[in-house]
């Protein structure tokens, strides 16, 4: 017995893939052999082609979830309660499912067969919908492509149940770490910061904010280099600078020459009090320390924030990236056809990035601007531009505060303690953080010449070399600037 096709799902003149006989077999095993526990791990209601089978299976799942035995009587009672008994053909159809003789095939293998057929229908439906949208010209091409990729990924993810861990194994994981000094996340390169926040944790969305000129891009580059030096590949989206400009800052840091000096090819030698030429061979030799850093750049712009998801997912597969930096949030486009406030648009972006971080289980660091204000004493969360959504979606919010940028001179009162300040003084404010107390401050030094932050006490968790290099040979009376 096979019920007639109720919905006539015809695409391009052809009935979609289906096997109603096997669907009857599975429902028969559920109602007469209590096979719901096996089937529930494989099939969802919409995997059934016939609407009546979808409804019957949904009722069986309801009974199963409530902890009752799934059989003909309990399924009938659930369908009556839902006022759907007539939609499935009445009690007679249920009885026929349990009394007709079907094959002796394994219900588990038959469930996988139905799921496979269901996947084909979903792919047909997805492609049909996207083809229609493409012809209607109602959305941008790149947006349609991103949505298509996301839909395909959703179908893939629906095939696999997430692994679960029992409480005992969780207890062991936690207790094994007690007493260990190693951090849980990726090292930031600053020992005090690592200790406070336990490193860059996945799948956190971390916002680093400051006003222009305070060094948020430099700080992000420092953290990215630290993670890469430890062997963790990552993706750096630069919406403000080209890759060449970022790499110049890496080279500046490793050679001690400023970016300006590197571009001019000469520097002022303090020892001899004269201008000297920079030896290109020396710069190349020193740059070998960082040439194998597993950092991948995207600096060609974005059409929409959805592009970030498509690029990151592809690079995780191709290059095994494990972290993402975006410089910076306010430059990420939404490209919506409706007129929306920037607050709403930023909210869409930050929510998307938070979901992306959780879905891919990677940390995402976003840089953000702050509202301009003269003479501020410190940053607060409300200083974030479009602050509500950023604060809500971020797991951590760090501010870089340099007192001299805000007109402070001589001394600065930090939580009741007077401290001497100069152009190098930088305070990293941890205003939102799970591991550290909100309002925790970490003192850093900003070295503008070499585009880097350093710890005042010299402590750092950054490794000093990436690979062995030959001894540096100075030529033409060359001296290092540090």
Protein backbone atom coordinates (compact mmCIF):
# COMPACT_ATOMS: atom_id res chain seq x y z
CA UNK A 1 0.00 0.00 0.00
CA UNK A 2 1.33 3.40 -0.98
CA UNK A 3 -0.65 6.57 -0.27
CA UNK A 4 -1.30 8.86 -3.18
CA UNK A 5 0.91 11.89 -3.71
CA UNK A 6 -0.81 14.78 -1.96
CA UNK A 7 1.22 17.83 -2.88
CA UNK A 8 2.23 17.09 -6.47
CA UNK A 9 5.73 18.53 -6.09
CA UNK A 10 6.60 18.95 -9.74
CA UNK A 11 9.72 20.82 -10.83
CA UNK A 12 10.50 21.35 -14.49
CA UNK A 13 7.77 18.87 -15.39
CA UNK A 14 9.21 16.11 -13.18
CA UNK A 15 8.09 14.75 -9.82
CA UNK A 16 10.77 15.29 -7.20
CA UNK A 17 12.74 12.29 -5.86
CA UNK A 18 10.67 10.30 -3.36
CA UNK A 19 10.11 6.79 -1.99
CA UNK A 20 6.75 6.67 -0.24
CA UNK A 21 6.91 2.89 0.16
CA UNK A 22 10.03 3.14 2.31
CA UNK A 23 8.43 5.99 4.28
CA UNK A 24 5.53 3.63 5.07
CA UNK A 25 8.03 0.96 6.13
CA UNK A 26 9.75 3.34 8.57
CA UNK A 27 6.46 4.53 10.10
CA UNK A 28 5.35 0.93 10.42
CA UNK A 29 8.49 0.06 12.39
CA UNK A 30 7.99 3.10 14.63
CA UNK A 31 4.36 2.23 15.42
CA UNK A 32 4.77 -1.52 15.81
CA UNK A 33 8.40 -2.06 16.82
CA UNK A 34 9.11 1.11 18.86
CA UNK A 35 11.92 2.16 16.46
CA UNK A 36 11.48 5.88 17.15
CA UNK A 37 14.76 6.09 19.14
CA UNK A 38 16.75 4.97 16.11
CA UNK A 39 14.89 6.98 13.50
CA UNK A 40 14.83 10.21 15.55
CA UNK A 41 18.62 10.45 15.35
CA UNK A 42 18.49 10.42 11.54
CA UNK A 43 15.27 11.92 10.21
CA UNK A 44 13.40 15.18 10.70
CA UNK A 45 9.70 15.56 9.87
CA UNK A 46 10.39 17.48 6.66
CA UNK A 47 12.50 14.56 5.38
CA UNK A 48 9.21 12.75 4.58
CA UNK A 49 7.81 13.48 1.12
CA UNK A 50 4.13 12.99 1.93
CA UNK A 51 2.48 15.59 4.13
CA UNK A 52 0.56 12.85 5.95
CA UNK A 53 3.80 11.03 6.80
CA UNK A 54 5.35 14.29 7.99
CA UNK A 55 2.40 14.85 10.36
CA UNK A 56 2.41 11.24 11.66
CA UNK A 57 6.16 11.33 12.32
CA UNK A 58 5.88 14.71 14.09
CA UNK A 59 3.19 13.26 16.37
CA UNK A 60 5.41 10.26 17.15
CA UNK A 61 8.28 12.61 18.04
CA UNK A 62 5.99 14.57 20.39
CA UNK A 63 5.01 11.37 22.19
CA UNK A 64 8.67 10.28 22.35
CA UNK A 65 9.81 13.64 23.78
CA UNK A 66 7.13 13.43 26.47
CA UNK A 67 8.65 10.11 27.59
CA UNK A 68 5.74 7.89 26.55
CA UNK A 69 5.86 4.67 24.59
CA UNK A 70 5.32 5.29 20.87
CA UNK A 71 2.72 2.94 19.40
CA UNK A 72 -0.50 3.03 17.41
CA UNK A 73 -2.64 4.16 20.36
CA UNK A 74 -0.34 6.94 21.61
CA UNK A 75 0.20 8.25 18.07
CA UNK A 76 -3.56 8.29 17.42
CA UNK A 77 -4.22 10.18 20.67
CA UNK A 78 -1.56 12.78 19.82
CA UNK A 79 -3.00 13.31 16.34
CA UNK A 80 -6.50 13.76 17.83
CA UNK A 81 -5.11 16.26 20.33
CA UNK A 82 -3.51 18.19 17.47
CA UNK A 83 -6.75 17.95 15.44
CA UNK A 84 -4.84 16.32 12.57
CA UNK A 85 -6.14 12.75 12.59
CA UNK A 86 -8.29 13.31 9.50
CA UNK A 87 -5.44 14.98 7.60
CA UNK A 88 -3.46 11.72 7.65
CA UNK A 89 -6.34 9.49 6.51
CA UNK A 90 -7.87 8.68 9.89
CA UNK A 91 -7.25 5.76 12.22
CA UNK A 92 -7.70 3.34 9.33
CA UNK A 93 -4.51 4.60 7.65
CA UNK A 94 -2.57 4.21 10.92
CA UNK A 95 -3.89 0.67 11.34
CA UNK A 96 -2.96 -0.19 7.78
CA UNK A 97 0.62 1.02 8.42
CA UNK A 98 0.94 -1.44 11.30
CA UNK A 99 -0.76 -4.41 9.66
CA UNK A 100 0.62 -4.36 6.12
CA UNK A 101 3.67 -6.53 5.59
CA UNK A 102 6.82 -4.71 4.61
CA UNK A 103 10.34 -5.92 3.95
CA UNK A 104 12.62 -7.04 6.75
CA UNK A 105 15.21 -4.38 5.93
CA UNK A 106 17.03 -2.62 8.74
CA UNK A 107 15.10 0.52 9.76
CA UNK A 108 18.32 2.45 10.30
CA UNK A 109 19.60 1.90 6.75
CA UNK A 110 16.18 2.73 5.32
CA UNK A 111 16.12 5.95 7.34
CA UNK A 112 19.43 6.99 5.80
CA UNK A 113 17.95 6.23 2.37
CA UNK A 114 14.99 8.55 3.02
CA UNK A 115 17.34 11.25 4.29
CA UNK A 116 19.43 10.97 1.14
CA UNK A 117 16.34 11.41 -1.03
CA UNK A 118 15.27 14.35 1.12
CA UNK A 119 18.65 16.03 0.52
CA UNK A 120 18.09 15.80 -3.23
CA UNK A 121 14.71 17.51 -2.89
CA UNK A 122 16.21 20.27 -0.75
CA UNK A 123 18.95 20.87 -3.32
CA UNK A 124 16.35 20.99 -6.11
CA UNK A 125 14.22 23.44 -4.13
CA UNK A 126 17.22 25.60 -3.21
CA UNK A 127 18.49 25.84 -6.78
CA UNK A 128 14.99 26.51 -8.13
CA UNK A 129 14.47 29.36 -5.66
CA UNK A 130 17.86 30.93 -6.39
CA UNK A 131 17.38 30.67 -10.15
CA UNK A 132 14.07 32.51 -9.81
CA UNK A 133 15.66 35.22 -7.66
CA UNK A 134 18.48 35.62 -10.18
CA UNK A 135 15.99 36.20 -12.98
CA UNK A 136 13.90 38.62 -10.90
CA UNK A 137 16.92 40.91 -10.37
CA UNK A 138 15.62 41.72 -6.87
CA UNK A 139 18.93 41.25 -5.08
CA UNK A 140 22.64 41.84 -5.67
CA UNK A 141 24.59 39.03 -7.33
CA UNK A 142 27.22 38.75 -4.59
CA UNK A 143 24.48 38.69 -1.94
CA UNK A 144 22.60 35.96 -3.80
CA UNK A 145 25.82 33.93 -4.06
CA UNK A 146 26.54 34.30 -0.32
CA UNK A 147 22.99 33.30 0.59
CA UNK A 148 23.23 30.28 -1.71
CA UNK A 149 26.49 29.15 -0.11
CA UNK A 150 25.00 29.61 3.36
CA UNK A 151 21.92 27.60 2.42
CA UNK A 152 24.05 24.76 1.06
CA UNK A 153 26.07 24.79 4.27
CA UNK A 154 22.87 24.62 6.34
CA UNK A 155 21.83 21.50 4.44
CA UNK A 156 25.24 19.97 5.09
CA UNK A 157 25.18 20.80 8.79
CA UNK A 158 21.71 19.29 9.19
CA UNK A 159 23.16 15.89 8.32
CA UNK A 160 25.34 15.66 11.39
CA UNK A 161 24.40 15.77 15.03
CA UNK A 162 26.78 17.64 17.31
CA UNK A 163 29.05 15.61 19.54
CA UNK A 164 28.17 15.71 23.22
CA UNK A 165 30.40 15.29 26.25
CA UNK A 166 29.36 13.76 29.51
CA UNK A 167 29.86 15.54 32.82
CA UNK A 168 32.66 13.22 33.90
CA UNK A 169 34.85 14.03 30.88
CA UNK A 170 34.15 17.74 31.42
CA UNK A 171 35.29 17.49 35.05
CA UNK A 172 38.51 15.79 33.92
CA UNK A 173 39.26 18.49 31.31
CA UNK A 174 38.88 21.25 33.89
CA UNK A 175 40.75 19.57 36.75
CA UNK A 176 43.63 18.61 34.46
CA UNK A 177 44.23 22.31 33.80
CA UNK A 178 44.30 23.30 37.47
CA UNK A 179 47.78 24.36 38.49
CA UNK A 180 48.94 24.75 34.90
CA UNK A 181 50.31 28.16 34.01
CA UNK A 182 49.54 27.85 30.31
CA UNK A 183 46.71 29.96 28.97
CA UNK A 184 43.63 28.46 27.37
CA UNK A 185 43.45 30.73 24.31
CA UNK A 186 45.95 32.05 21.77
CA UNK A 187 48.66 34.27 23.21
CA UNK A 188 48.28 38.01 22.62
CA UNK A 189 52.03 38.55 23.03
CA UNK A 190 51.54 40.43 26.31
CA UNK A 191 51.99 38.31 29.44
CA UNK A 192 49.86 40.48 31.71
CA UNK A 193 47.00 40.59 29.21
CA UNK A 194 47.19 36.82 28.66
CA UNK A 195 46.99 36.29 32.40
CA UNK A 196 43.99 38.61 32.73
CA UNK A 197 41.86 37.27 29.87
CA UNK A 198 43.32 33.77 29.44
CA UNK A 199 44.46 34.58 25.90
CA UNK A 200 42.36 35.07 22.79
CA UNK A 201 39.58 32.57 23.35
CA UNK A 202 37.43 30.85 20.75
CA UNK A 203 34.69 31.48 19.82
CA UNK A 204 34.86 35.00 21.27
CA UNK A 205 34.00 38.17 19.39
CA UNK A 206 36.53 40.71 20.71
CA UNK A 207 36.18 44.43 20.03
CA UNK A 208 39.28 46.65 20.27
CA UNK A 209 38.35 50.33 20.19
CA UNK A 210 40.14 53.67 20.20
CA UNK A 211 40.01 56.98 18.41
CA UNK A 212 42.20 57.54 15.32
CA UNK A 213 45.90 57.75 16.11
CA UNK A 214 45.85 55.75 19.35
CA UNK A 215 47.14 52.57 17.70
CA UNK A 216 44.27 50.11 17.41
CA UNK A 217 45.57 48.82 14.04
CA UNK A 218 49.11 48.54 15.43
CA UNK A 219 47.84 46.63 18.46
CA UNK A 220 45.83 44.26 16.25
CA UNK A 221 48.92 43.64 14.10
CA UNK A 222 50.94 42.87 17.25
CA UNK A 223 48.34 40.35 18.47
CA UNK A 224 48.04 38.80 15.00
CA UNK A 225 51.81 38.36 14.82
CA UNK A 226 51.87 36.69 18.24
CA UNK A 227 49.16 34.20 17.28
CA UNK A 228 50.90 33.48 13.95
CA UNK A 229 54.29 33.04 15.63
CA UNK A 230 52.74 30.29 17.72
CA UNK A 231 51.74 28.51 14.51
CA UNK A 232 48.07 29.56 14.39
CA UNK A 233 47.11 30.60 10.87
CA UNK A 234 44.74 33.52 10.54
CA UNK A 235 42.91 35.94 8.24
CA UNK A 236 43.46 39.70 8.36
CA UNK A 237 40.77 41.81 6.67
CA UNK A 238 42.23 45.25 6.07
CA UNK A 239 39.62 47.72 4.88
CA UNK A 240 41.80 50.77 5.54
CA UNK A 241 45.36 49.80 4.53
CA UNK A 242 46.73 47.70 1.71
CA UNK A 243 48.69 44.54 2.47
CA UNK A 244 51.94 46.28 1.56
CA UNK A 245 51.38 48.95 4.22
CA UNK A 246 50.68 46.34 6.88
CA UNK A 247 53.75 44.30 5.96
CA UNK A 248 55.86 47.46 6.17
CA UNK A 249 54.87 47.65 9.82
CA UNK A 250 55.87 44.05 10.39
CA UNK A 251 59.26 44.75 8.80
CA UNK A 252 59.64 47.96 10.81
CA UNK A 253 59.11 46.00 13.99
CA UNK A 254 61.68 43.33 13.16
CA UNK A 255 64.34 45.67 11.75
CA UNK A 256 63.97 48.67 14.05
CA UNK A 257 63.66 51.12 11.14
CA UNK A 258 60.56 53.27 10.88
CA UNK A 259 58.24 52.84 7.92
CA UNK A 260 59.29 56.26 6.68
CA UNK A 261 62.97 55.27 6.86
CA UNK A 262 62.31 52.01 5.02
CA UNK A 263 60.55 53.88 2.22
CA UNK A 264 63.32 56.45 1.89
CA UNK A 265 66.08 53.85 2.19
CA UNK A 266 68.03 55.88 4.75
CA UNK A 267 67.99 56.65 8.47
CA UNK A 268 69.63 58.95 11.00
CA UNK A 269 72.38 57.15 12.91
CA UNK A 270 72.39 58.43 16.50
CA UNK A 271 75.88 57.08 17.14
CA UNK A 272 77.60 58.91 14.29
CA UNK A 273 75.06 61.77 14.13
CA UNK A 274 74.62 61.50 10.39
CA UNK A 275 72.28 60.06 7.77
CA UNK A 276 73.19 56.61 6.48
CA UNK A 277 71.87 54.33 3.77
CA UNK A 278 69.88 51.26 4.72
CA UNK A 279 71.32 48.04 3.34
CA UNK A 280 68.48 46.24 1.47
CA UNK A 281 70.23 42.89 1.99
CA UNK A 282 70.21 43.47 5.73
CA UNK A 283 66.47 44.24 5.67
CA UNK A 284 65.79 41.09 3.64
CA UNK A 285 67.87 39.01 6.01
CA UNK A 286 66.07 40.33 9.08
CA UNK A 287 62.71 39.90 7.34
CA UNK A 288 63.35 36.19 7.06
CA UNK A 289 62.26 35.97 10.69
CA UNK A 290 58.68 36.71 9.70
CA UNK A 291 58.40 35.62 6.07
CA UNK A 292 56.77 32.31 7.00
CA UNK A 293 54.14 33.74 9.32
CA UNK A 294 50.80 32.02 8.46
CA UNK A 295 48.85 35.27 8.04
CA UNK A 296 46.58 35.67 5.02
CA UNK A 297 45.38 39.12 3.97
CA UNK A 298 42.26 40.39 2.26
CA UNK A 299 42.65 44.03 1.25
CA UNK A 300 40.59 44.25 -1.94
CA UNK A 301 37.43 45.52 -0.26
CA UNK A 302 34.05 43.93 0.39
CA UNK A 303 30.68 44.31 -1.29
CA UNK A 304 28.84 43.19 1.84
CA UNK A 305 29.50 41.83 5.31
CA UNK A 306 28.26 38.48 3.99
CA UNK A 307 31.48 38.27 1.95
CA UNK A 308 33.41 37.88 5.21
CA UNK A 309 31.56 34.65 5.98
CA UNK A 310 32.12 33.21 2.50
CA UNK A 311 35.84 34.10 2.48
CA UNK A 312 36.51 32.83 6.02
CA UNK A 313 34.70 29.53 5.42
CA UNK A 314 36.70 28.97 2.24
CA UNK A 315 40.02 29.83 3.92
CA UNK A 316 39.32 27.52 6.85
CA UNK A 317 39.10 24.67 4.35
CA UNK A 318 42.01 25.80 2.15
CA UNK A 319 44.46 27.26 4.65
CA UNK A 320 43.24 26.01 8.04
CA UNK A 321 42.87 29.49 9.51
CA UNK A 322 42.02 29.66 13.22
CA UNK A 323 41.42 33.38 13.87
CA UNK A 324 40.18 36.50 12.08
CA UNK A 325 40.98 40.21 12.47
CA UNK A 326 38.81 42.89 10.83
CA UNK A 327 40.20 46.44 10.53
CA UNK A 328 37.77 48.06 11.00
CA UNK A 329 34.05 47.59 11.76
CA UNK A 330 32.67 50.93 10.53
CA UNK A 331 34.14 50.32 7.06
CA UNK A 332 32.32 46.99 6.60
CA UNK A 333 29.48 47.56 4.08
CA UNK A 334 25.93 46.31 4.48
CA UNK A 335 24.69 47.22 1.00
CA UNK A 336 21.02 46.88 1.87
CA UNK A 337 18.44 48.19 -0.55
CA UNK A 338 16.31 49.71 2.17
CA UNK A 339 17.10 52.87 4.10
CA UNK A 340 18.24 51.85 7.58
CA UNK A 341 20.05 53.72 10.32
CA UNK A 342 23.74 53.00 10.75
CA UNK A 343 23.00 51.61 14.22
CA UNK A 344 20.75 48.95 12.69
CA UNK A 345 23.33 48.18 9.99
CA UNK A 346 26.15 47.82 12.54
CA UNK A 347 23.87 45.55 14.57
CA UNK A 348 23.42 43.28 11.56
CA UNK A 349 27.19 43.09 11.09
CA UNK A 350 28.12 42.40 14.72
CA UNK A 351 25.37 39.80 15.13
CA UNK A 352 26.50 38.09 11.94
CA UNK A 353 30.13 38.06 13.11
CA UNK A 354 29.18 36.67 16.54
CA UNK A 355 27.18 33.85 14.96
CA UNK A 356 30.05 33.23 12.51
CA UNK A 357 32.57 32.96 15.36
CA UNK A 358 30.37 30.48 17.22
CA UNK A 359 29.56 28.49 14.12
CA UNK A 360 33.18 28.16 13.00
CA UNK A 361 34.56 28.02 16.56
CA UNK A 362 37.19 30.67 15.95
CA UNK A 363 37.93 34.01 17.65
CA UNK A 364 37.09 37.11 15.63
CA UNK A 365 38.73 40.43 16.56
CA UNK A 366 37.05 43.57 15.24
CA UNK A 367 38.46 47.07 15.50
CA UNK A 368 36.03 49.88 16.15
CA UNK A 369 35.95 53.64 16.23
CA UNK A 370 34.76 55.59 19.25
CA UNK A 371 32.71 58.75 19.53
CA UNK A 372 34.95 61.80 19.48
CA UNK A 373 35.24 63.71 22.75
CA UNK A 374 37.89 66.11 23.90
CA UNK A 375 39.75 65.70 27.17
CA UNK A 376 38.15 62.41 28.22
CA UNK A 377 39.63 60.84 31.34
CA UNK A 378 39.03 57.25 30.22
CA UNK A 379 36.84 55.22 27.92
CA UNK A 380 33.48 53.71 28.85
CA UNK A 381 31.36 51.29 26.84
CA UNK A 382 29.03 54.08 25.77
CA UNK A 383 31.96 55.64 23.88
CA UNK A 384 31.73 52.92 21.23
CA UNK A 385 30.31 54.32 18.04
CA UNK A 386 26.91 52.62 17.54
CA UNK A 387 27.66 51.24 21.01
CA UNK A 388 24.51 49.31 21.86
CA UNK A 389 24.86 46.53 19.30
CA UNK A 390 28.64 46.30 19.55
CA UNK A 391 28.55 45.98 23.33
CA UNK A 392 25.72 43.45 23.22
CA UNK A 393 27.28 41.12 20.66
CA UNK A 394 30.91 41.35 21.83
CA UNK A 395 32.22 38.86 24.37
CA UNK A 396 35.05 41.23 25.24
CA UNK A 397 35.60 44.97 24.72
CA UNK A 398 39.10 46.48 25.09
CA UNK A 399 39.92 50.16 24.76
CA UNK A 400 43.36 51.58 23.99
CA UNK A 401 43.71 54.86 25.89
CA UNK A 402 46.79 57.05 25.41
CA UNK A 403 46.57 59.99 27.83
CA UNK A 404 48.69 62.41 25.78
CA UNK A 405 46.36 62.01 22.80
CA UNK A 406 43.61 63.36 25.05
CA UNK A 407 45.61 66.36 26.21
CA UNK A 408 46.96 64.88 29.45
CA UNK A 409 50.49 65.86 30.48
CA UNK A 410 52.93 65.09 33.29
CA UNK A 411 50.85 62.88 35.57
CA UNK A 412 47.66 60.90 35.18
CA UNK A 413 45.35 59.58 37.89
CA UNK A 414 44.68 55.90 37.25
CA UNK A 415 42.13 54.55 39.70
CA UNK A 416 43.40 56.78 42.51
CA UNK A 417 47.09 56.25 41.71
CA UNK A 418 49.19 59.06 40.26
CA UNK A 419 51.45 57.90 37.42
CA UNK A 420 53.91 59.77 35.24
CA UNK A 421 52.99 59.76 31.56
CA UNK A 422 54.68 60.57 28.26
CA UNK A 423 54.02 59.97 24.57
CA UNK A 424 54.70 56.24 25.04
CA UNK A 425 52.15 55.71 27.81
CA UNK A 426 49.22 53.53 26.79
CA UNK A 427 46.51 51.99 28.95
CA UNK A 428 44.60 48.94 27.77
CA UNK A 429 41.17 49.12 29.43
CA UNK A 430 39.31 45.80 29.72
CA UNK A 431 35.77 47.13 30.01
CA UNK A 432 33.93 43.93 29.15
CA UNK A 433 35.52 40.58 29.81
CA UNK A 434 34.47 37.27 31.30
CA UNK A 435 37.86 36.33 32.75
CA UNK A 436 38.97 39.71 34.11
CA UNK A 437 37.17 42.18 36.35
CA UNK A 438 35.56 44.88 34.19
CA UNK A 439 37.64 48.03 34.47
CA UNK A 440 40.96 46.17 34.69
CA UNK A 441 43.79 48.33 33.29
CA UNK A 442 47.01 47.08 31.74
CA UNK A 443 49.88 49.52 31.25
CA UNK A 444 51.68 49.31 27.91
CA UNK A 445 54.24 51.35 26.00
CA UNK A 446 53.56 52.59 22.48
CA UNK A 447 56.59 52.78 20.17
CA UNK A 448 55.45 54.75 17.17
CA UNK A 449 58.69 54.47 15.24
CA UNK A 450 58.51 50.68 14.99
CA UNK A 451 54.70 50.41 15.06
CA UNK A 452 54.38 48.26 18.16
CA UNK A 453 53.23 48.08 21.74
CA UNK A 454 55.47 46.68 24.45
CA UNK A 455 55.10 45.79 28.11
CA UNK A 456 56.94 48.32 30.34
CA UNK A 457 58.59 45.54 32.33
CA UNK A 458 59.74 43.80 29.20
CA UNK A 459 57.65 40.68 29.79
CA UNK A 460 56.19 39.22 26.66
CA UNK A 461 54.90 35.85 25.60
CA UNK A 462 55.93 36.39 22.01
CA UNK A 463 58.55 34.09 20.54
CA UNK A 464 61.55 35.87 19.14
CA UNK A 465 62.20 33.80 16.03
CA UNK A 466 60.10 31.87 13.57
CA UNK A 467 62.88 29.78 12.07
CA UNK A 468 66.66 29.55 12.38
CA UNK A 469 68.46 32.18 10.33
CA UNK A 470 72.07 32.74 9.46
CA UNK A 471 74.09 35.23 11.53
CA UNK A 472 73.47 38.82 10.46
CA UNK A 473 76.38 40.24 8.53
CA UNK A 474 76.67 44.02 8.54
CA UNK A 475 78.00 45.60 5.37
CA UNK A 476 79.21 49.05 4.37
CA UNK A 477 79.71 50.11 7.98
CA UNK A 478 76.03 49.44 8.57
CA UNK A 479 74.70 49.63 12.11
CA UNK A 480 71.36 48.52 13.46
CA UNK A 481 69.03 51.26 14.72
CA UNK A 482 68.38 49.48 17.99
